[in-house]
C-alpha atoms as a PDB file:
ATOM      1  CA  MET A   1      50.655 129.219  68.835  1.00  0.00           C
ATOM      2  CA  SER A   2      54.392 129.747  69.074  1.00  0.00           C
ATOM      3  CA  TYR A   3      56.678 128.176  71.736  1.00  0.00           C
ATOM      4  CA  ILE A   4      60.069 128.954  73.205  1.00  0.00           C
ATOM      5  CA  GLY A   5      62.033 125.755  72.871  1.00  0.00           C
ATOM      6  CA  ARG A   6      60.464 122.459  71.778  1.00  0.00           C
ATOM      7  CA  LYS A   7      56.699 122.353  71.220  1.00  0.00           C
ATOM      8  CA  PRO A   8      55.019 120.254  73.963  1.00  0.00           C
ATOM      9  CA  THR A   9      53.665 116.855  72.929  1.00  0.00           C
ATOM     10  CA  VAL A  10      50.312 116.220  74.590  1.00  0.00           C
ATOM     11  CA  GLY A  11      47.187 114.124  73.988  1.00  0.00           C
ATOM     12  CA  ASN A  12      47.644 110.947  71.964  1.00  0.00           C
ATOM     13  CA  PHE A  13      44.899 109.183  73.955  1.00  0.00           C
ATOM     14  CA  GLN A  14      44.546 105.565  72.832  1.00  0.00           C
ATOM     15  CA  ILE A  15      42.243 102.627  73.524  1.00  0.00           C
ATOM     16  CA  CYS A  16      44.104  99.319  73.429  1.00  0.00           C
ATOM     17  CA  ASP A  17      42.949  96.398  71.322  1.00  0.00           C
ATOM     18  CA  ALA A  18      40.649  93.938  73.071  1.00  0.00           C
ATOM     19  CA  ILE A  19      42.500  91.397  75.191  1.00  0.00           C
ATOM     20  CA  SER A  20      41.207  87.862  75.716  1.00  0.00           C
ATOM     21  CA  VAL A  21      41.676  86.546  79.223  1.00  0.00           C
ATOM     22  CA  VAL A  22      43.662  83.340  79.614  1.00  0.00           C
ATOM     23  CA  ASN A  23      42.834  81.245  82.644  1.00  0.00           C
ATOM     24  CA  GLY A  24      45.635  81.390  85.226  1.00  0.00           C
ATOM     25  CA  GLN A  25      47.580  84.187  83.465  1.00  0.00           C
ATOM     26  CA  ALA A  26      48.369  87.635  84.945  1.00  0.00           C
ATOM     27  CA  ALA A  27      50.526  89.288  82.234  1.00  0.00           C
ATOM     28  CA  TYR A  28      49.211  90.533  78.893  1.00  0.00           C
ATOM     29  CA  THR A  29      50.603  92.499  75.961  1.00  0.00           C
ATOM     30  CA  MET A  30      49.004  95.862  75.133  1.00  0.00           C
ATOM     31  CA  GLN A  31      48.578  96.763  71.470  1.00  0.00           C
ATOM     32  CA  VAL A  32      46.865  99.426  69.379  1.00  0.00           C
ATOM     33  CA  GLY A  33      46.147  98.357  65.824  1.00  0.00           C
ATOM     34  CA  SER A  34      48.122  95.152  66.484  1.00  0.00           C
ATOM     35  CA  VAL A  35      51.227  97.234  67.349  1.00  0.00           C
ATOM     36  CA  ASN A  36      52.744  97.102  70.821  1.00  0.00           C
ATOM     37  CA  VAL A  37      52.303 100.303  72.810  1.00  0.00           C
ATOM     38  CA  LEU A  38      54.367 101.545  75.755  1.00  0.00           C
ATOM     39  CA  PRO A  39      52.578 103.701  78.325  1.00  0.00           C
ATOM     40  CA  GLU A  40      54.843 106.091  80.207  1.00  0.00           C
ATOM     41  CA  THR A  41      53.832 104.591  83.592  1.00  0.00           C
ATOM     42  CA  ALA A  42      50.899 102.767  85.158  1.00  0.00           C
ATOM     43  CA  ASN A  43      49.641 106.191  86.275  1.00  0.00           C
ATOM     44  CA  HIS A  44      49.220 107.222  82.631  1.00  0.00           C
ATOM     45  CA  MET A  45      46.487 104.704  81.872  1.00  0.00           C
ATOM     46  CA  ILE A  46      43.021 103.544  82.991  1.00  0.00           C
ATOM     47  CA  CYS A  47      42.257  99.857  83.175  1.00  0.00           C
ATOM     48  CA  SER A  48      38.795  98.366  83.823  1.00  0.00           C
ATOM     49  CA  LEU A  49      38.486  94.709  84.875  1.00  0.00           C
ATOM     50  CA  ASN A  50      35.074  93.116  85.362  1.00  0.00           C
ATOM     51  CA  GLY A  51      33.459  96.564  85.376  1.00  0.00           C
ATOM     52  CA  THR A  52      35.813  97.919  88.081  1.00  0.00           C
ATOM     53  CA  ILE A  53      38.534 100.543  87.545  1.00  0.00           C
ATOM     54  CA  GLN A  54      41.834  99.116  88.787  1.00  0.00           C
ATOM     55  CA  LYS A  55      44.294 101.004  90.991  1.00  0.00           C
ATOM     56  CA  PRO A  56      47.665 101.685  89.243  1.00  0.00           C
ATOM     57  CA  ASN A  57      50.763 100.093  90.826  1.00  0.00           C
ATOM     58  CA  SER A  58      48.533  98.122  93.184  1.00  0.00           C
ATOM     59  CA  SER A  59      46.006  96.168  91.128  1.00  0.00           C
ATOM     60  CA  PHE A  60      48.355  96.190  88.157  1.00  0.00           C
ATOM     61  CA  THR A  61      51.829  97.257  87.058  1.00  0.00           C
ATOM     62  CA  VAL A  62      53.326  98.118  83.682  1.00  0.00           C
ATOM     63  CA  SER A  63      56.683  97.241  82.155  1.00  0.00           C
ATOM     64  CA  GLY A  64      57.155  98.263  78.560  1.00  0.00           C
ATOM     65  CA  SER A  65      54.126  96.994  76.634  1.00  0.00           C
ATOM     66  CA  THR A  66      53.202  94.414  79.289  1.00  0.00           C
ATOM     67  CA  ILE A  67      50.447  94.907  81.861  1.00  0.00           C
ATOM     68  CA  THR A  68      50.611  92.533  84.818  1.00  0.00           C
ATOM     69  CA  PHE A  69      47.688  92.136  87.196  1.00  0.00           C
ATOM     70  CA  SER A  70      48.264  91.559  90.893  1.00  0.00           C
ATOM     71  CA  SER A  71      46.807  88.039  90.610  1.00  0.00           C
ATOM     72  CA  ASN A  72      46.194  85.554  87.833  1.00  0.00           C
ATOM     73  CA  LEU A  73      42.946  86.064  85.911  1.00  0.00           C
ATOM     74  CA  ALA A  74      40.443  83.250  85.561  1.00  0.00           C
ATOM     75  CA  THR A  75      37.925  82.063  82.996  1.00  0.00           C
ATOM     76  CA  GLY A  76      35.009  84.484  83.043  1.00  0.00           C
ATOM     77  CA  ASP A  77      37.101  87.561  83.902  1.00  0.00           C
ATOM     78  CA  VAL A  78      36.812  90.366  81.358  1.00  0.00           C
ATOM     79  CA  ILE A  79      39.289  93.143  80.644  1.00  0.00           C
ATOM     80  CA  ASP A  80      36.735  95.803  79.716  1.00  0.00           C
ATOM     81  CA  PHE A  81      39.198  98.322  78.317  1.00  0.00           C
ATOM     82  CA  ILE A  82      42.659  99.812  78.732  1.00  0.00           C
ATOM     83  CA  GLN A  83      42.961 103.503  77.884  1.00  0.00           C
ATOM     84  CA  ILE A  84      46.353 105.161  77.573  1.00  0.00           C
ATOM     85  CA  LEU A  85      46.038 108.775  78.675  1.00  0.00           C
ATOM     86  CA  GLY A  86      48.840 110.261  76.599  1.00  0.00           C
ATOM     87  CA  ASP A  87      52.548 111.025  76.642  1.00  0.00           C
ATOM     88  CA  VAL A  88      54.561 112.780  79.335  1.00  0.00           C
ATOM     89  CA  LEU A  89      54.996 116.469  78.567  1.00  0.00           C
ATOM     90  CA  ASP A  90      58.436 116.948  76.967  1.00  0.00           C
ATOM     91  CA  LEU A  91      59.866 120.338  77.852  1.00  0.00           C
ATOM     92  CA  GLY A  92      62.982 119.844  75.758  1.00  0.00           C
ATOM     93  CA  VAL A  93      66.520 120.814  76.827  1.00  0.00           C
ATOM     94  CA  PRO A  94      66.843 123.768  79.268  1.00  0.00           C
ATOM     95  CA  SER A  95      68.633 126.812  77.893  1.00  0.00           C
ATOM     96  CA  ASP A  96      72.195 127.479  79.023  1.00  0.00           C
ATOM     97  CA  ALA A  97      72.576 128.946  82.536  1.00  0.00           C
ATOM     98  CA  THR A  98      68.877 128.454  83.386  1.00  0.00           C
ATOM     99  CA  VAL A  99      69.104 125.581  85.937  1.00  0.00           C
ATOM    100  CA  THR A 100      69.959 126.842  89.443  1.00  0.00           C
ATOM    101  CA  THR A 101      71.380 124.803  92.325  1.00  0.00           C
ATOM    102  CA  ALA A 102      68.032 125.152  94.094  1.00  0.00           C
ATOM    103  CA  LYS A 103      66.518 122.909  91.418  1.00  0.00           C
ATOM    104  CA  LEU A 104      68.912 120.056  92.262  1.00  0.00           C
ATOM    105  CA  ALA A 105      67.938 117.624  94.981  1.00  0.00           C
ATOM    106  CA  SER A 106      70.487 116.839  97.697  1.00  0.00           C
ATOM    107  CA  THR A 107      72.847 113.981  96.670  1.00  0.00           C
ATOM    108  CA  SER A 108      71.405 114.078  93.139  1.00  0.00           C
ATOM    109  CA  VAL A 109      74.860 114.621  91.583  1.00  0.00           C
ATOM    110  CA  THR A 110      76.801 111.392  92.094  1.00  0.00           C
ATOM    111  CA  ALA A 111      80.439 110.524  91.422  1.00  0.00           C
ATOM    112  CA  ALA A 112      79.387 108.800  88.202  1.00  0.00           C
ATOM    113  CA  LYS A 113      78.420 112.217  86.814  1.00  0.00           C
ATOM    114  CA  LEU A 114      81.686 113.937  87.791  1.00  0.00           C
ATOM    115  CA  ASN A 115      84.529 114.318  85.335  1.00  0.00           C
ATOM    116  CA  ASN A 116      87.804 112.686  86.363  1.00  0.00           C
ATOM    117  CA  ASP A 117      89.470 116.078  86.813  1.00  0.00           C
ATOM    118  CA  ILE A 118      87.042 116.968  89.606  1.00  0.00           C
ATOM    119  CA  ILE A 119      88.478 116.644  93.113  1.00  0.00           C
ATOM    120  CA  SER A 120      86.366 114.162  95.061  1.00  0.00           C
ATOM    121  CA  GLY A 121      86.789 111.340  97.527  1.00  0.00           C
ATOM    122  CA  THR A 122      85.954 108.510  95.146  1.00  0.00           C
ATOM    123  CA  THR A 123      89.556 107.273  94.812  1.00  0.00           C
ATOM    124  CA  ALA A 124      92.017 106.847  97.680  1.00  0.00           C
ATOM    125  CA  LEU A 125      95.659 107.884  97.231  1.00  0.00           C
ATOM    126  CA  THR A 126      97.883 105.055  98.453  1.00  0.00           C
ATOM    127  CA  SER A 127     101.289 106.746  98.251  1.00  0.00           C
ATOM    128  CA  GLU A 128     102.878 110.171  98.623  1.00  0.00           C
ATOM    129  CA  PRO A 129     101.421 112.626  96.071  1.00  0.00           C
ATOM    130  CA  ALA A 130     103.454 113.506  92.990  1.00  0.00           C
ATOM    131  CA  ASP A 131     104.852 117.028  92.860  1.00  0.00           C
ATOM    132  CA  THR A 132     102.273 117.963  90.209  1.00  0.00           C
ATOM    133  CA  ASP A 133      99.293 116.609  92.172  1.00  0.00           C
ATOM    134  CA  GLU A 134      96.968 119.450  93.130  1.00  0.00           C
ATOM    135  CA  PHE A 135      95.188 120.501  96.333  1.00  0.00           C
ATOM    136  CA  LEU A 136      92.455 123.046  96.983  1.00  0.00           C
ATOM    137  CA  VAL A 137      93.263 125.952  99.298  1.00  0.00           C
ATOM    138  CA  SER A 138      91.367 129.063 100.322  1.00  0.00           C
ATOM    139  CA  ASP A 139      93.444 132.146  99.552  1.00  0.00           C
ATOM    140  CA  ALA A 140      91.805 134.974 101.520  1.00  0.00           C
ATOM    141  CA  GLY A 141      88.425 133.428 100.776  1.00  0.00           C
ATOM    142  CA  THR A 142      89.132 132.616  97.118  1.00  0.00           C
ATOM    143  CA  LEU A 143      89.318 128.915  96.289  1.00  0.00           C
ATOM    144  CA  LYS A 144      92.510 128.095  94.384  1.00  0.00           C
ATOM    145  CA  ARG A 145      94.498 125.009  93.439  1.00  0.00           C
ATOM    146  CA  ILE A 146      98.146 124.469  94.330  1.00  0.00           C
ATOM    147  CA  ASP A 147     100.757 121.851  93.381  1.00  0.00           C
ATOM    148  CA  TYR A 148     101.994 119.503  96.099  1.00  0.00           C
ATOM    149  CA  SER A 149     105.590 120.561  95.355  1.00  0.00           C
ATOM    150  CA  LEU A 150     104.816 124.032  96.757  1.00  0.00           C
ATOM    151  CA  ILE A 151     103.395 122.876 100.083  1.00  0.00           C
ATOM    152  CA  LYS A 152     105.118 119.613 100.978  1.00  0.00           C
ATOM    153  CA  GLY A 153     107.395 119.693 103.966  1.00  0.00           C
ATOM    154  CA  GLY A 154     111.014 118.647 103.755  1.00  0.00           C
ATOM    155  CA  GLY A 155     110.730 116.289 106.708  1.00  0.00           C
ATOM    156  CA  ILE A 156     113.139 113.467 107.454  1.00  0.00           C
ATOM    157  CA  THR A 157     113.294 111.575 104.172  1.00  0.00           C
ATOM    158  CA  VAL A 158     116.716 109.994 104.715  1.00  0.00           C
ATOM    159  CA  ALA A 159     118.113 108.638 107.993  1.00  0.00           C
ATOM    160  CA  ASP A 160     120.928 106.171 107.470  1.00  0.00           C
ATOM    161  CA  GLN A 161     123.710 104.666 109.559  1.00  0.00           C
ATOM    162  CA  TRP A 162     126.864 102.742 108.751  1.00  0.00           C
ATOM    163  CA  ARG A 163     129.472 101.146 111.010  1.00  0.00           C
ATOM    164  CA  VAL A 164     132.933  99.635 111.045  1.00  0.00           C
ATOM    165  CA  SER A 165     132.439  95.890 111.449  1.00  0.00           C
ATOM    166  CA  ALA A 166     135.963  94.914 112.635  1.00  0.00           C
ATOM    167  CA  ASP A 167     138.852  96.421 114.646  1.00  0.00           C
ATOM    168  CA  PHE A 168     141.786  98.041 112.872  1.00  0.00           C
ATOM    169  CA  THR A 169     145.109  99.441 114.054  1.00  0.00           C
ATOM    170  CA  GLY A 170     146.761 102.748 113.243  1.00  0.00           C
ATOM    171  CA  ALA A 171     145.632 105.513 110.886  1.00  0.00           C
ATOM    172  CA  ALA A 172     142.984 105.268 108.174  1.00  0.00           C
ATOM    173  CA  SER A 173     142.727 107.923 105.482  1.00  0.00           C
ATOM    174  CA  PRO A 174     139.943 107.296 104.793  1.00  0.00           C
ATOM    175  CA  ILE A 175     138.296 104.434 106.660  1.00  0.00           C
ATOM    176  CA  SER A 176     137.587 102.162 103.717  1.00  0.00           C
ATOM    177  CA  SER A 177     137.470  98.585 104.965  1.00  0.00           C
ATOM    178  CA  ASN A 178     134.860  96.545 106.825  1.00  0.00           C
ATOM    179  CA  LEU A 179     132.028  99.058 106.321  1.00  0.00           C
ATOM    180  CA  GLU A 180     128.434  97.897 106.581  1.00  0.00           C
ATOM    181  CA  ARG A 181     124.981  99.423 106.826  1.00  0.00           C
ATOM    182  CA  VAL A 182     123.465  98.754 110.267  1.00  0.00           C
ATOM    183  CA  ASP A 183     121.219  95.698 110.311  1.00  0.00           C
ATOM    184  CA  THR A 184     120.970  94.552 113.929  1.00  0.00           C
ATOM    185  CA  SER A 185     117.470  93.688 115.134  1.00  0.00           C
ATOM    186  CA  GLY A 186     115.786  96.858 116.415  1.00  0.00           C
ATOM    187  CA  GLN A 187     117.872  99.232 114.317  1.00  0.00           C
ATOM    188  CA  GLY A 188     116.120 101.105 111.525  1.00  0.00           C
ATOM    189  CA  THR A 189     116.641 103.517 108.669  1.00  0.00           C
ATOM    190  CA  ILE A 190     114.498 105.892 106.598  1.00  0.00           C
ATOM    191  CA  GLY A 191     114.525 106.247 102.831  1.00  0.00           C
ATOM    192  CA  SER A 192     117.188 105.251 100.359  1.00  0.00           C
ATOM    193  CA  ALA A 193     120.603 104.111 101.575  1.00  0.00           C
ATOM    194  CA  MET A 194     123.900 105.896 101.316  1.00  0.00           C
ATOM    195  CA  THR A 195     126.364 104.077  99.087  1.00  0.00           C
ATOM    196  CA  VAL A 196     130.082 103.714  99.655  1.00  0.00           C
ATOM    197  CA  SER A 197     133.061 102.897  97.487  1.00  0.00           C
ATOM    198  CA  SER A 198     136.641 102.819  98.818  1.00  0.00           C
ATOM    199  CA  GLY A 199     135.495 104.764 101.868  1.00  0.00           C
ATOM    200  CA  VAL A 200     133.794 107.547  99.844  1.00  0.00           C
ATOM    201  CA  PHE A 201     130.090 107.983 100.643  1.00  0.00           C
ATOM    202  CA  THR A 202     127.536 109.066  98.017  1.00  0.00           C
ATOM    203  CA  PHE A 203     124.197 110.621  98.983  1.00  0.00           C
ATOM    204  CA  PRO A 204     120.886 109.212  97.685  1.00  0.00           C
ATOM    205  CA  ALA A 205     119.341 112.676  97.245  1.00  0.00           C
ATOM    206  CA  THR A 206     120.293 116.319  97.443  1.00  0.00           C
ATOM    207  CA  GLY A 207     119.638 118.204 100.674  1.00  0.00           C
ATOM    208  CA  ILE A 208     121.104 119.527 103.894  1.00  0.00           C
ATOM    209  CA  TYR A 209     122.463 116.606 105.918  1.00  0.00           C
ATOM    210  CA  LYS A 210     123.569 116.252 109.514  1.00  0.00           C
ATOM    211  CA  ILE A 211     126.614 113.961 109.563  1.00  0.00           C
ATOM    212  CA  GLU A 212     127.867 112.368 112.773  1.00  0.00           C
ATOM    213  CA  PHE A 213     131.071 110.388 113.278  1.00  0.00           C
ATOM    214  CA  ILE A 214     131.614 108.483 116.534  1.00  0.00           C
ATOM    215  CA  SER A 215     134.670 106.323 117.124  1.00  0.00           C
ATOM    216  CA  GLN A 216     135.781 104.103 119.979  1.00  0.00           C
ATOM    217  CA  PHE A 217     139.450 103.313 120.376  1.00  0.00           C
ATOM    218  CA  THR A 218     142.247 102.262 122.718  1.00  0.00           C
ATOM    219  CA  ILE A 219     145.491 104.216 122.913  1.00  0.00           C
ATOM    220  CA  ASN A 220     148.602 102.223 123.725  1.00  0.00           C
ATOM    221  CA  GLY A 221     151.993 103.757 124.470  1.00  0.00           C
ATOM    222  CA  ASN A 222     153.180 107.159 125.593  1.00  0.00           C
ATOM    223  CA  THR A 223     152.029 109.220 122.606  1.00  0.00           C
ATOM    224  CA  ARG A 224     148.352 109.657 123.294  1.00  0.00           C
ATOM    225  CA  TYR A 225     146.717 111.795 120.551  1.00  0.00           C
ATOM    226  CA  TYR A 226     143.813 110.563 118.432  1.00  0.00           C
ATOM    227  CA  ILE A 227     141.929 112.740 115.890  1.00  0.00           C
ATOM    228  CA  ASN A 228     138.632 112.195 114.022  1.00  0.00           C
ATOM    229  CA  TYR A 229     138.017 113.980 110.710  1.00  0.00           C
ATOM    230  CA  ILE A 230     135.004 114.449 108.446  1.00  0.00           C
ATOM    231  CA  GLU A 231     136.095 115.488 104.964  1.00  0.00           C
ATOM    232  CA  SER A 232     134.045 116.570 101.960  1.00  0.00           C
ATOM    233  CA  SER A 233     134.589 116.861  98.230  1.00  0.00           C
ATOM    234  CA  ARG A 234     132.721 119.098  95.760  1.00  0.00           C
ATOM    235  CA  ASN A 235     134.364 117.555  92.677  1.00  0.00           C
ATOM    236  CA  ASN A 236     133.763 113.800  93.011  1.00  0.00           C
ATOM    237  CA  GLY A 237     136.893 113.160  95.057  1.00  0.00           C
ATOM    238  CA  SER A 238     139.448 115.152  93.067  1.00  0.00           C
ATOM    239  CA  SER A 239     140.161 117.197  96.183  1.00  0.00           C
ATOM    240  CA  TRP A 240     139.052 117.028  99.822  1.00  0.00           C
ATOM    241  CA  THR A 241     138.300 119.633 102.475  1.00  0.00           C
ATOM    242  CA  GLN A 242     138.230 119.028 106.210  1.00  0.00           C
ATOM    243  CA  ILE A 243     134.821 120.165 107.528  1.00  0.00           C
ATOM    244  CA  SER A 244     134.950 118.832 111.098  1.00  0.00           C
ATOM    245  CA  GLU A 245     137.430 117.311 113.540  1.00  0.00           C
ATOM    246  CA  ASN A 246     137.727 116.309 117.161  1.00  0.00           C
ATOM    247  CA  ALA A 247     140.765 115.188 119.137  1.00  0.00           C
ATOM    248  CA  SER A 248     141.466 113.195 122.276  1.00  0.00           C
ATOM    249  CA  TYR A 249     144.482 113.177 124.533  1.00  0.00           C
ATOM    250  CA  ILE A 250     145.225 110.833 127.436  1.00  0.00           C
ATOM    251  CA  GLN A 251     147.896 111.637 129.991  1.00  0.00           C
ATOM    252  CA  GLN A 252     150.901 109.362 130.069  1.00  0.00           C
ATOM    253  CA  THR A 253     150.210 108.567 133.699  1.00  0.00           C
ATOM    254  CA  ASP A 254     147.094 106.640 132.627  1.00  0.00           C
ATOM    255  CA  SER A 255     147.510 102.964 131.923  1.00  0.00           C
ATOM    256  CA  ASN A 256     147.999 101.499 128.484  1.00  0.00           C
ATOM    257  CA  PHE A 257     144.922 100.433 126.509  1.00  0.00           C
ATOM    258  CA  THR A 258     142.852 103.206 128.059  1.00  0.00           C
ATOM    259  CA  PRO A 259     139.519 103.227 126.140  1.00  0.00           C
ATOM    260  CA  GLN A 260     138.180 106.461 124.675  1.00  0.00           C
ATOM    261  CA  SER A 261     135.466 107.702 122.330  1.00  0.00           C
ATOM    262  CA  LEU A 262     135.197 110.767 120.091  1.00  0.00           C
ATOM    263  CA  TYR A 263     132.194 112.551 118.595  1.00  0.00           C
ATOM    264  CA  THR A 264     132.476 114.671 115.453  1.00  0.00           C
ATOM    265  CA  CYS A 265     129.557 116.363 113.671  1.00  0.00           C
ATOM    266  CA  SER A 266     128.895 118.674 110.734  1.00  0.00           C
ATOM    267  CA  LEU A 267     126.099 119.945 108.507  1.00  0.00           C
ATOM    268  CA  PHE A 268     126.699 119.307 104.822  1.00  0.00           C
ATOM    269  CA  ASP A 269     124.976 120.798 101.775  1.00  0.00           C
ATOM    270  CA  CYS A 270     124.699 118.146  99.068  1.00  0.00           C
ATOM    271  CA  ALA A 271     123.497 120.011  96.000  1.00  0.00           C
ATOM    272  CA  ASP A 272     124.919 117.528  93.473  1.00  0.00           C
ATOM    273  CA  THR A 273     124.844 113.799  94.273  1.00  0.00           C
ATOM    274  CA  SER A 274     127.345 113.060  91.500  1.00  0.00           C
ATOM    275  CA  ASN A 275     130.074 115.344  92.820  1.00  0.00           C
ATOM    276  CA  HIS A 276     129.395 116.127  96.485  1.00  0.00           C
ATOM    277  CA  LYS A 277     130.830 113.349  98.661  1.00  0.00           C
ATOM    278  CA  VAL A 278     132.091 112.740 102.202  1.00  0.00           C
ATOM    279  CA  ARG A 279     134.595 110.442 103.852  1.00  0.00           C
ATOM    280  CA  PHE A 280     135.908 109.757 107.366  1.00  0.00           C
ATOM    281  CA  ARG A 281     139.472 109.677 108.593  1.00  0.00           C
ATOM    282  CA  VAL A 282     141.222 108.803 111.868  1.00  0.00           C
ATOM    283  CA  LEU A 283     144.737 109.873 112.773  1.00  0.00           C
ATOM    284  CA  PRO A 284     146.168 108.323 115.936  1.00  0.00           C
ATOM    285  CA  VAL A 285     149.673 109.575 116.506  1.00  0.00           C
ATOM    286  CA  ASN A 286     150.561 106.224 118.034  1.00  0.00           C
ATOM    287  CA  THR A 287     150.410 103.497 115.397  1.00  0.00           C
ATOM    288  CA  SER A 288     149.590 100.953 118.109  1.00  0.00           C
ATOM    289  CA  THR A 289     146.186 102.564 118.637  1.00  0.00           C
ATOM    290  CA  THR A 290     143.220 100.251 117.937  1.00  0.00           C
ATOM    291  CA  THR A 291     139.929 101.593 116.562  1.00  0.00           C
ATOM    292  CA  TYR A 292     137.059  99.318 117.517  1.00  0.00           C
ATOM    293  CA  GLY A 293     134.526  97.828 115.121  1.00  0.00           C
ATOM    294  CA  ASN A 294     131.788  95.241 115.528  1.00  0.00           C
ATOM    295  CA  THR A 295     129.291  93.629 113.167  1.00  0.00           C
ATOM    296  CA  ALA A 296     126.705  93.000 115.907  1.00  0.00           C
ATOM    297  CA  HIS A 297     126.421  96.542 117.305  1.00  0.00           C
ATOM    298  CA  ASN A 298     127.731 100.085 116.788  1.00  0.00           C
ATOM    299  CA  GLU A 299     131.176 100.994 118.119  1.00  0.00           C
ATOM    300  CA  THR A 300     132.709 103.160 115.405  1.00  0.00           C
ATOM    301  CA  PHE A 301     129.898 104.419 113.169  1.00  0.00           C
ATOM    302  CA  PHE A 302     128.570 107.193 110.897  1.00  0.00           C
ATOM    303  CA  THR A 303     125.069 108.720 110.854  1.00  0.00           C
ATOM    304  CA  PHE A 304     123.482 110.605 107.945  1.00  0.00           C
ATOM    305  CA  ILE A 305     120.205 112.514 108.463  1.00  0.00           C
ATOM    306  CA  ARG A 306     118.642 114.618 105.713  1.00  0.00           C
ATOM    307  CA  LEU A 307     117.171 117.693 107.445  1.00  0.00           C
ATOM    308  CA  GLY A 308     115.649 119.446 104.440  1.00  0.00           C
ATOM    309  CA  ASP A 309     116.130 120.720 100.919  1.00  0.00           C
ATOM    310  CA  THR A 310     119.403 122.152  99.736  1.00  0.00           C
END
C-alpha cells in the first residue's frame, strides 16, 4: 500500500544466538548470526532464563548490544532464548507547519535549542546596554522590538566639581591657576571628568548642563564691589559671551576684611565638545580683595551637572 511520508519499518523479529552462561558473570553480548544486535530498549525483547520470562528493566537491562542481568549467573543457569521484538516505528520527519504547541511538553524547549538571537534569560548583561541593543515592548497588544537608544532616559550621567585650591588677590579673567577636581574624602562625582586648560573648561559629552559658580572672598578698602561671571564660547575660545553674573557690595561703614560669598548659575547647551567651552571670571573693583581657595575643602568652586541631552 502507499504511504504519506516515509514507509513505516515494522517486524524484523529476531532470535539471538545461543549464549553460554559463565559462572559469576551478569553481562553478555547479544548476536544474530555472529553479528552484534542492538534492541531499541529492554521493553522490545523477551528473555527467558531457567524457563522463566524475565521482567525488562528489573531482571535485566540493555545497553547497546549488551544484556546485563540483575545478578551474576552461576553454573547450571541457562539462558533459554532472547527474542528481539522488532524496531521502533519510524514516522519520518513531520511536514512543515504540522506540529502544534499542544504537542510540546512544558519545559521541553531548553536554552540549548534556542538561537542566539532569541531573547531569553540565559545570559546576564553586566553593563549598560548599547544603543543598538533591543527590548521587547507591547504596542497596543502587538509585540515589537525597540532599540535601547529610543527608550533610555537621559538621567544624571555627569556630575563634576572643581575648586580653587589656594587664595589669590585681585581680578582673574579667567580663573586659571590652582584648579583641582574635588577629591576630599566623602566627596563624589559621576561619569567622566571635565578637563581644564588655562582656565577653559571642556565638557566630556554633549548635553544640557547646569553650571554653578560659588566664590568666597574678603573685600578690603573703601571700594566694595565684587562680581562673578560665567562666560561661554561657541568657537573654541575665539570669542566669549557672558551668560551669568552676580555682584556683591559692602557698605563702607563695615569693617575691612568683611567676608562675603556669591552664587552664580546658568544652564548651558553643549552641542559640540570641541568648540563649546566655559570659563569663570571674578572682578573685584578693589585690587586688595582676596578670593579664598583651599585644597582640603570647597571655598571657591564650580559645579557641572549634565541634566539631559542637547
